[in-house]
Amino acid sequence: MTDRAWRESIEAEGEHLIKKVEEAIAEGNVRKVSVAHDGRTIAEFPLTVGVVGAVFAPALAAIGAIAALVTDCKIVIERIPDKK
């Protein structure tokens, strides 16, 4: 069995974008969140598995600020497979 990460892209606007990122983080298997614009990554936020709560607040605030300033941005969520 491999431990390969997989990626999921989210395209939404404003508050909906942040809610989708929060939902993904709440699932607990997110390794990294990236913000891309015109095919280029403009910000990356590595997330530590097992860390919850206020630790994610600065990353979410930054994602929201970037999304508000940059139109047509895409959020890419890198997930690690669940180990069962």
PDB file of N, CA and C in Angstrom:
ATOM      1  N   MET A   1       0.840  -1.181   0.000  1.00  0.00           N
ATOM      2  CA  MET A   1       0.000   0.000   0.000  1.00  0.00           C
ATOM      3  C   MET A   1       0.882   1.240   0.000  1.00  0.00           C
ATOM      4  N   THR A   2       0.519   2.241  -0.789  1.00  0.00           N
ATOM      5  CA  THR A   2       1.320   3.456  -0.891  1.00  0.00           C
ATOM      6  C   THR A   2       0.721   4.561  -0.037  1.00  0.00           C
ATOM      7  N   ASP A   3       1.567   5.504   0.332  1.00  0.00           N
ATOM      8  CA  ASP A   3       1.138   6.670   1.105  1.00  0.00           C
ATOM      9  C   ASP A   3       1.138   7.902   0.226  1.00  0.00           C
ATOM     10  N   ARG A   4       0.646   7.783  -0.974  1.00  0.00           N
ATOM     11  CA  ARG A   4       0.652   8.881  -1.922  1.00  0.00           C
ATOM     12  C   ARG A   4      -0.424   9.898  -1.588  1.00  0.00           C
ATOM     13  N   ALA A   5      -0.027  11.144  -1.643  1.00  0.00           N
ATOM     14  CA  ALA A   5      -0.977  12.238  -1.407  1.00  0.00           C
ATOM     15  C   ALA A   5      -1.801  12.456  -2.666  1.00  0.00           C
ATOM     16  N   TRP A   6      -2.986  12.994  -2.506  1.00  0.00           N
ATOM     17  CA  TRP A   6      -3.812  13.347  -3.657  1.00  0.00           C
ATOM     18  C   TRP A   6      -4.301  14.768  -3.472  1.00  0.00           C
ATOM     19  N   ARG A   7      -4.658  15.393  -4.580  1.00  0.00           N
ATOM     20  CA  ARG A   7      -5.028  16.805  -4.559  1.00  0.00           C
ATOM     21  C   ARG A   7      -6.461  17.009  -4.999  1.00  0.00           C
ATOM     22  N   GLU A   8      -7.033  18.052  -4.437  1.00  0.00           N
ATOM     23  CA  GLU A   8      -8.415  18.436  -4.746  1.00  0.00           C
ATOM     24  C   GLU A   8      -8.419  19.948  -4.959  1.00  0.00           C
ATOM     25  N   SER A   9      -9.060  20.408  -6.009  1.00  0.00           N
ATOM     26  CA  SER A   9      -9.132  21.842  -6.298  1.00  0.00           C
ATOM     27  C   SER A   9     -10.508  22.376  -5.932  1.00  0.00           C
ATOM     28  N   ILE A  10     -10.520  23.579  -5.372  1.00  0.00           N
ATOM     29  CA  ILE A  10     -11.765  24.242  -5.001  1.00  0.00           C
ATOM     30  C   ILE A  10     -11.793  25.606  -5.666  1.00  0.00           C
ATOM     31  N   GLU A  11     -12.873  25.873  -6.361  1.00  0.00           N
ATOM     32  CA  GLU A  11     -13.069  27.201  -6.933  1.00  0.00           C
ATOM     33  C   GLU A  11     -14.384  27.732  -6.398  1.00  0.00           C
ATOM     34  N   ALA A  12     -14.298  28.752  -5.587  1.00  0.00           N
ATOM     35  CA  ALA A  12     -15.476  29.387  -5.002  1.00  0.00           C
ATOM     36  C   ALA A  12     -15.095  30.829  -4.724  1.00  0.00           C
ATOM     37  N   GLU A  13     -16.048  31.588  -4.232  1.00  0.00           N
ATOM     38  CA  GLU A  13     -15.772  32.988  -3.956  1.00  0.00           C
ATOM     39  C   GLU A  13     -16.046  33.326  -2.504  1.00  0.00           C
ATOM     40  N   GLY A  14     -15.245  34.229  -1.993  1.00  0.00           N
ATOM     41  CA  GLY A  14     -15.449  34.818  -0.673  1.00  0.00           C
ATOM     42  C   GLY A  14     -15.660  33.825   0.451  1.00  0.00           C
ATOM     43  N   GLU A  15     -16.757  34.009   1.143  1.00  0.00           N
ATOM     44  CA  GLU A  15     -17.089  33.233   2.331  1.00  0.00           C
ATOM     45  C   GLU A  15     -17.241  31.741   2.018  1.00  0.00           C
ATOM     46  N   HIS A  16     -17.740  31.417   0.840  1.00  0.00           N
ATOM     47  CA  HIS A  16     -17.906  30.011   0.455  1.00  0.00           C
ATOM     48  C   HIS A  16     -16.556  29.311   0.353  1.00  0.00           C
ATOM     49  N   LEU A  17     -15.558  30.018  -0.121  1.00  0.00           N
ATOM     50  CA  LEU A  17     -14.221  29.452  -0.251  1.00  0.00           C
ATOM     51  C   LEU A  17     -13.659  29.093   1.112  1.00  0.00           C
ATOM     52  N   ILE A  18     -13.758  30.006   2.060  1.00  0.00           N
ATOM     53  CA  ILE A  18     -13.243  29.762   3.401  1.00  0.00           C
ATOM     54  C   ILE A  18     -13.981  28.607   4.059  1.00  0.00           C
ATOM     55  N   LYS A  19     -15.300  28.544   3.896  1.00  0.00           N
ATOM     56  CA  LYS A  19     -16.081  27.445   4.473  1.00  0.00           C
ATOM     57  C   LYS A  19     -15.637  26.100   3.914  1.00  0.00           C
ATOM     58  N   LYS A  20     -15.376  26.033   2.626  1.00  0.00           N
ATOM     59  CA  LYS A  20     -14.942  24.778   2.017  1.00  0.00           C
ATOM     60  C   LYS A  20     -13.569  24.362   2.540  1.00  0.00           C
ATOM     61  N   VAL A  21     -12.671  25.318   2.725  1.00  0.00           N
ATOM     62  CA  VAL A  21     -11.351  25.012   3.271  1.00  0.00           C
ATOM     63  C   VAL A  21     -11.486  24.547   4.724  1.00  0.00           C
ATOM     64  N   GLU A  22     -12.315  25.223   5.513  1.00  0.00           N
ATOM     65  CA  GLU A  22     -12.541  24.816   6.904  1.00  0.00           C
ATOM     66  C   GLU A  22     -13.098  23.399   6.983  1.00  0.00           C
ATOM     67  N   GLU A  23     -14.041  23.067   6.098  1.00  0.00           N
ATOM     68  CA  GLU A  23     -14.615  21.722   6.077  1.00  0.00           C
ATOM     69  C   GLU A  23     -13.547  20.680   5.752  1.00  0.00           C
ATOM     70  N   ALA A  24     -12.693  20.988   4.795  1.00  0.00           N
ATOM     71  CA  ALA A  24     -11.632  20.061   4.421  1.00  0.00           C
ATOM     72  C   ALA A  24     -10.661  19.846   5.581  1.00  0.00           C
ATOM     73  N   ILE A  25     -10.299  20.926   6.268  1.00  0.00           N
ATOM     74  CA  ILE A  25      -9.382  20.815   7.402  1.00  0.00           C
ATOM     75  C   ILE A  25     -10.021  20.021   8.526  1.00  0.00           C
ATOM     76  N   ALA A  26     -11.313  20.205   8.745  1.00  0.00           N
ATOM     77  CA  ALA A  26     -12.022  19.485   9.805  1.00  0.00           C
ATOM     78  C   ALA A  26     -12.014  17.976   9.568  1.00  0.00           C
ATOM     79  N   GLU A  27     -11.930  17.553   8.306  1.00  0.00           N
ATOM     80  CA  GLU A  27     -11.878  16.129   8.003  1.00  0.00           C
ATOM     81  C   GLU A  27     -10.583  15.499   8.494  1.00  0.00           C
ATOM     82  N   GLY A  28      -9.540  16.301   8.676  1.00  0.00           N
ATOM     83  CA  GLY A  28      -8.342  15.836   9.343  1.00  0.00           C
ATOM     84  C   GLY A  28      -7.266  15.195   8.500  1.00  0.00           C
ATOM     85  N   ASN A  29      -7.416  15.073   7.204  1.00  0.00           N
ATOM     86  CA  ASN A  29      -6.372  14.437   6.416  1.00  0.00           C
ATOM     87  C   ASN A  29      -5.717  15.402   5.423  1.00  0.00           C
ATOM     88  N   VAL A  30      -5.731  16.687   5.746  1.00  0.00           N
ATOM     89  CA  VAL A  30      -5.148  17.703   4.867  1.00  0.00           C
ATOM     90  C   VAL A  30      -3.685  17.916   5.248  1.00  0.00           C
ATOM     91  N   ARG A  31      -2.813  17.841   4.265  1.00  0.00           N
ATOM     92  CA  ARG A  31      -1.385  18.043   4.490  1.00  0.00           C
ATOM     93  C   ARG A  31      -0.973  19.475   4.169  1.00  0.00           C
ATOM     94  N   LYS A  32      -1.554  20.023   3.077  1.00  0.00           N
ATOM     95  CA  LYS A  32      -1.143  21.352   2.639  1.00  0.00           C
ATOM     96  C   LYS A  32      -2.287  22.020   1.893  1.00  0.00           C
ATOM     97  N   VAL A  33      -2.392  23.347   2.034  1.00  0.00           N
ATOM     98  CA  VAL A  33      -3.365  24.143   1.292  1.00  0.00           C
ATOM     99  C   VAL A  33      -2.573  25.167   0.489  1.00  0.00           C
ATOM    100  N   SER A  34      -2.845  25.234  -0.814  1.00  0.00           N
ATOM    101  CA  SER A  34      -2.157  26.181  -1.698  1.00  0.00           C
ATOM    102  C   SER A  34      -3.186  27.077  -2.382  1.00  0.00           C
ATOM    103  N   VAL A  35      -2.766  28.295  -2.680  1.00  0.00           N
ATOM    104  CA  VAL A  35      -3.599  29.223  -3.441  1.00  0.00           C
ATOM    105  C   VAL A  35      -2.900  29.448  -4.770  1.00  0.00           C
ATOM    106  N   ALA A  36      -3.629  29.195  -5.869  1.00  0.00           N
ATOM    107  CA  ALA A  36      -3.060  29.347  -7.206  1.00  0.00           C
ATOM    108  C   ALA A  36      -3.841  30.399  -7.984  1.00  0.00           C
ATOM    109  N   HIS A  37      -3.127  31.114  -8.829  1.00  0.00           N
ATOM    110  CA  HIS A  37      -3.731  32.131  -9.697  1.00  0.00           C
ATOM    111  C   HIS A  37      -3.043  32.037 -11.050  1.00  0.00           C
ATOM    112  N   ASP A  38      -3.821  31.927 -12.108  1.00  0.00           N
ATOM    113  CA  ASP A  38      -3.292  31.795 -13.468  1.00  0.00           C
ATOM    114  C   ASP A  38      -2.282  30.654 -13.590  1.00  0.00           C
ATOM    115  N   GLY A  39      -2.550  29.552 -12.908  1.00  0.00           N
ATOM    116  CA  GLY A  39      -1.686  28.383 -13.007  1.00  0.00           C
ATOM    117  C   GLY A  39      -0.419  28.434 -12.176  1.00  0.00           C
ATOM    118  N   ARG A  40      -0.231  29.489 -11.409  1.00  0.00           N
ATOM    119  CA  ARG A  40       0.967  29.631 -10.563  1.00  0.00           C
ATOM    120  C   ARG A  40       0.568  29.640  -9.107  1.00  0.00           C
ATOM    121  N   THR A  41       1.323  28.954  -8.292  1.00  0.00           N
ATOM    122  CA  THR A  41       1.071  28.948  -6.853  1.00  0.00           C
ATOM    123  C   THR A  41       1.571  30.256  -6.264  1.00  0.00           C
ATOM    124  N   ILE A  42       0.663  30.972  -5.560  1.00  0.00           N
ATOM    125  CA  ILE A  42       1.062  32.253  -4.972  1.00  0.00           C
ATOM    126  C   ILE A  42       1.206  32.181  -3.455  1.00  0.00           C
ATOM    127  N   ALA A  43       0.681  31.107  -2.839  1.00  0.00           N
ATOM    128  CA  ALA A  43       0.842  30.920  -1.399  1.00  0.00           C
ATOM    129  C   ALA A  43       0.620  29.455  -1.056  1.00  0.00           C
ATOM    130  N   GLU A  44       1.384  28.950  -0.077  1.00  0.00           N
ATOM    131  CA  GLU A  44       1.221  27.583   0.412  1.00  0.00           C
ATOM    132  C   GLU A  44       1.211  27.611   1.937  1.00  0.00           C
ATOM    133  N   PHE A  45       0.332  26.787   2.497  1.00  0.00           N
ATOM    134  CA  PHE A  45       0.215  26.699   3.941  1.00  0.00           C
ATOM    135  C   PHE A  45       0.289  25.232   4.345  1.00  0.00           C
ATOM    136  N   PRO A  46       1.443  24.777   4.856  1.00  0.00           N
ATOM    137  CA  PRO A  46       1.525  23.390   5.315  1.00  0.00           C
ATOM    138  C   PRO A  46       0.741  23.232   6.614  1.00  0.00           C
ATOM    139  N   LEU A  47       0.040  22.134   6.751  1.00  0.00           N
ATOM    140  CA  LEU A  47      -0.759  21.872   7.947  1.00  0.00           C
ATOM    141  C   LEU A  47      -0.262  20.595   8.601  1.00  0.00           C
ATOM    142  N   THR A  48      -0.126  20.632   9.902  1.00  0.00           N
ATOM    143  CA  THR A  48       0.326  19.473  10.651  1.00  0.00           C
ATOM    144  C   THR A  48      -0.865  18.636  11.063  1.00  0.00           C
ATOM    145  N   VAL A  49      -0.800  17.346  10.789  1.00  0.00           N
ATOM    146  CA  VAL A  49      -1.878  16.442  11.166  1.00  0.00           C
ATOM    147  C   VAL A  49      -1.980  16.406  12.685  1.00  0.00           C
ATOM    148  N   GLY A  50      -3.169  16.539  13.197  1.00  0.00           N
ATOM    149  CA  GLY A  50      -3.397  16.471  14.638  1.00  0.00           C
ATOM    150  C   GLY A  50      -3.466  17.830  15.316  1.00  0.00           C
ATOM    151  N   VAL A  51      -3.121  18.885  14.610  1.00  0.00           N
ATOM    152  CA  VAL A  51      -3.206  20.223  15.183  1.00  0.00           C
ATOM    153  C   VAL A  51      -4.569  20.798  14.810  1.00  0.00           C
ATOM    154  N   VAL A  52      -5.277  21.328  15.800  1.00  0.00           N
ATOM    155  CA  VAL A  52      -6.622  21.835  15.545  1.00  0.00           C
ATOM    156  C   VAL A  52      -6.806  23.223  16.122  1.00  0.00           C
ATOM    157  N   GLY A  53      -7.947  23.809  15.803  1.00  0.00           N
ATOM    158  CA  GLY A  53      -8.372  25.042  16.462  1.00  0.00           C
ATOM    159  C   GLY A  53      -7.679  26.287  15.975  1.00  0.00           C
ATOM    160  N   ALA A  54      -7.232  27.099  16.919  1.00  0.00           N
ATOM    161  CA  ALA A  54      -6.712  28.434  16.631  1.00  0.00           C
ATOM    162  C   ALA A  54      -5.445  28.416  15.789  1.00  0.00           C
ATOM    163  N   VAL A  55      -4.771  27.286  15.709  1.00  0.00           N
ATOM    164  CA  VAL A  55      -3.551  27.213  14.910  1.00  0.00           C
ATOM    165  C   VAL A  55      -3.855  27.451  13.437  1.00  0.00           C
ATOM    166  N   PHE A  56      -5.041  27.061  12.973  1.00  0.00           N
ATOM    167  CA  PHE A  56      -5.405  27.235  11.578  1.00  0.00           C
ATOM    168  C   PHE A  56      -5.932  28.638  11.275  1.00  0.00           C
ATOM    169  N   ALA A  57      -6.272  29.399  12.271  1.00  0.00           N
ATOM    170  CA  ALA A  57      -6.870  30.716  12.063  1.00  0.00           C
ATOM    171  C   ALA A  57      -5.997  31.643  11.214  1.00  0.00           C
ATOM    172  N   PRO A  58      -4.691  31.756  11.468  1.00  0.00           N
ATOM    173  CA  PRO A  58      -3.885  32.643  10.614  1.00  0.00           C
ATOM    174  C   PRO A  58      -3.859  32.191   9.153  1.00  0.00           C
ATOM    175  N   ALA A  59      -3.779  30.901   8.906  1.00  0.00           N
ATOM    176  CA  ALA A  59      -3.771  30.404   7.530  1.00  0.00           C
ATOM    177  C   ALA A  59      -5.096  30.704   6.851  1.00  0.00           C
ATOM    178  N   LEU A  60      -6.203  30.502   7.551  1.00  0.00           N
ATOM    179  CA  LEU A  60      -7.520  30.789   6.974  1.00  0.00           C
ATOM    180  C   LEU A  60      -7.687  32.279   6.691  1.00  0.00           C
ATOM    181  N   ALA A  61      -7.197  33.117   7.587  1.00  0.00           N
ATOM    182  CA  ALA A  61      -7.278  34.565   7.380  1.00  0.00           C
ATOM    183  C   ALA A  61      -6.458  34.972   6.151  1.00  0.00           C
ATOM    184  N   ALA A  62      -5.284  34.388   5.997  1.00  0.00           N
ATOM    185  CA  ALA A  62      -4.443  34.699   4.845  1.00  0.00           C
ATOM    186  C   ALA A  62      -5.083  34.219   3.546  1.00  0.00           C
ATOM    187  N   ILE A  63      -5.658  33.028   3.555  1.00  0.00           N
ATOM    188  CA  ILE A  63      -6.337  32.510   2.369  1.00  0.00           C
ATOM    189  C   ILE A  63      -7.492  33.427   1.986  1.00  0.00           C
ATOM    190  N   GLY A  64      -8.260  33.869   2.977  1.00  0.00           N
ATOM    191  CA  GLY A  64      -9.378  34.770   2.722  1.00  0.00           C
ATOM    192  C   GLY A  64      -8.917  36.103   2.149  1.00  0.00           C
ATOM    193  N   ALA A  65      -7.825  36.645   2.681  1.00  0.00           N
ATOM    194  CA  ALA A  65      -7.306  37.924   2.187  1.00  0.00           C
ATOM    195  C   ALA A  65      -6.799  37.795   0.760  1.00  0.00           C
ATOM    196  N   ILE A  66      -6.096  36.714   0.472  1.00  0.00           N
ATOM    197  CA  ILE A  66      -5.591  36.506  -0.884  1.00  0.00           C
ATOM    198  C   ILE A  66      -6.747  36.332  -1.855  1.00  0.00           C
ATOM    199  N   ALA A  67      -7.736  35.534  -1.472  1.00  0.00           N
ATOM    200  CA  ALA A  67      -8.894  35.292  -2.344  1.00  0.00           C
ATOM    201  C   ALA A  67      -9.667  36.581  -2.607  1.00  0.00           C
ATOM    202  N   ALA A  68      -9.700  37.478  -1.617  1.00  0.00           N
ATOM    203  CA  ALA A  68     -10.406  38.746  -1.797  1.00  0.00           C
ATOM    204  C   ALA A  68      -9.657  39.665  -2.765  1.00  0.00           C
ATOM    205  N   LEU A  69      -8.343  39.596  -2.776  1.00  0.00           N
ATOM    206  CA  LEU A  69      -7.531  40.474  -3.622  1.00  0.00           C
ATOM    207  C   LEU A  69      -7.338  39.942  -5.040  1.00  0.00           C
ATOM    208  N   VAL A  70      -7.296  38.629  -5.162  1.00  0.00           N
ATOM    209  CA  VAL A  70      -7.001  38.014  -6.450  1.00  0.00           C
ATOM    210  C   VAL A  70      -8.262  37.364  -6.992  1.00  0.00           C
ATOM    211  N   THR A  71      -8.704  37.803  -8.140  1.00  0.00           N
ATOM    212  CA  THR A  71      -9.878  37.170  -8.741  1.00  0.00           C
ATOM    213  C   THR A  71      -9.448  35.898  -9.461  1.00  0.00           C
ATOM    214  N   ASP A  72     -10.369  35.011  -9.653  1.00  0.00           N
ATOM    215  CA  ASP A  72     -10.111  33.749 -10.343  1.00  0.00           C
ATOM    216  C   ASP A  72      -8.998  32.934  -9.695  1.00  0.00           C
ATOM    217  N   CYS A  73      -9.012  32.844  -8.385  1.00  0.00           N
ATOM    218  CA  CYS A  73      -8.014  32.018  -7.727  1.00  0.00           C
ATOM    219  C   CYS A  73      -8.595  30.632  -7.461  1.00  0.00           C
ATOM    220  N   LYS A  74      -7.719  29.691  -7.293  1.00  0.00           N
ATOM    221  CA  LYS A  74      -8.103  28.311  -7.050  1.00  0.00           C
ATOM    222  C   LYS A  74      -7.371  27.834  -5.799  1.00  0.00           C
ATOM    223  N   ILE A  75      -8.074  27.140  -4.930  1.00  0.00           N
ATOM    224  CA  ILE A  75      -7.470  26.559  -3.744  1.00  0.00           C
ATOM    225  C   ILE A  75      -7.204  25.088  -4.043  1.00  0.00           C
ATOM    226  N   VAL A  76      -5.978  24.647  -3.798  1.00  0.00           N
ATOM    227  CA  VAL A  76      -5.612  23.257  -4.009  1.00  0.00           C
ATOM    228  C   VAL A  76      -5.311  22.656  -2.640  1.00  0.00           C
ATOM    229  N   ILE A  77      -6.044  21.598  -2.310  1.00  0.00           N
ATOM    230  CA  ILE A  77      -5.883  20.935  -1.015  1.00  0.00           C
ATOM    231  C   ILE A  77      -5.177  19.611  -1.254  1.00  0.00           C
ATOM    232  N   GLU A  78      -4.034  19.440  -0.610  1.00  0.00           N
ATOM    233  CA  GLU A  78      -3.301  18.182  -0.717  1.00  0.00           C
ATOM    234  C   GLU A  78      -3.648  17.330   0.497  1.00  0.00           C
ATOM    235  N   ARG A  79      -4.138  16.147   0.237  1.00  0.00           N
ATOM    236  CA  ARG A  79      -4.573  15.249   1.315  1.00  0.00           C
ATOM    237  C   ARG A  79      -3.671  14.025   1.393  1.00  0.00           C
ATOM    238  N   ILE A  80      -3.606  13.475   2.560  1.00  0.00           N
ATOM    239  CA  ILE A  80      -2.913  12.209   2.739  1.00  0.00           C
ATOM    240  C   ILE A  80      -3.984  11.131   2.933  1.00  0.00           C
ATOM    241  N   PRO A  81      -3.718   9.929   2.469  1.00  0.00           N
ATOM    242  CA  PRO A  81      -4.724   8.871   2.613  1.00  0.00           C
ATOM    243  C   PRO A  81      -4.949   8.516   4.078  1.00  0.00           C
ATOM    244  N   ASP A  82      -6.182   8.163   4.395  1.00  0.00           N
ATOM    245  CA  ASP A  82      -6.489   7.694   5.754  1.00  0.00           C
ATOM    246  C   ASP A  82      -5.823   6.338   5.963  1.00  0.00           C
ATOM    247  N   LYS A  83      -5.223   6.162   7.128  1.00  0.00           N
ATOM    248  CA  LYS A  83      -4.599   4.874   7.446  1.00  0.00           C
ATOM    249  C   LYS A  83      -5.557   4.084   8.294  1.00  0.00           C
ATOM    250  N   LYS A  84      -6.091   3.047   7.721  1.00  0.00           N
ATOM    251  CA  LYS A  84      -7.067   2.230   8.441  1.00  0.00           C
ATOM    252  C   LYS A  84      -6.543   0.856   8.684  1.00  0.00           C
TER     253      LYS A  84
END
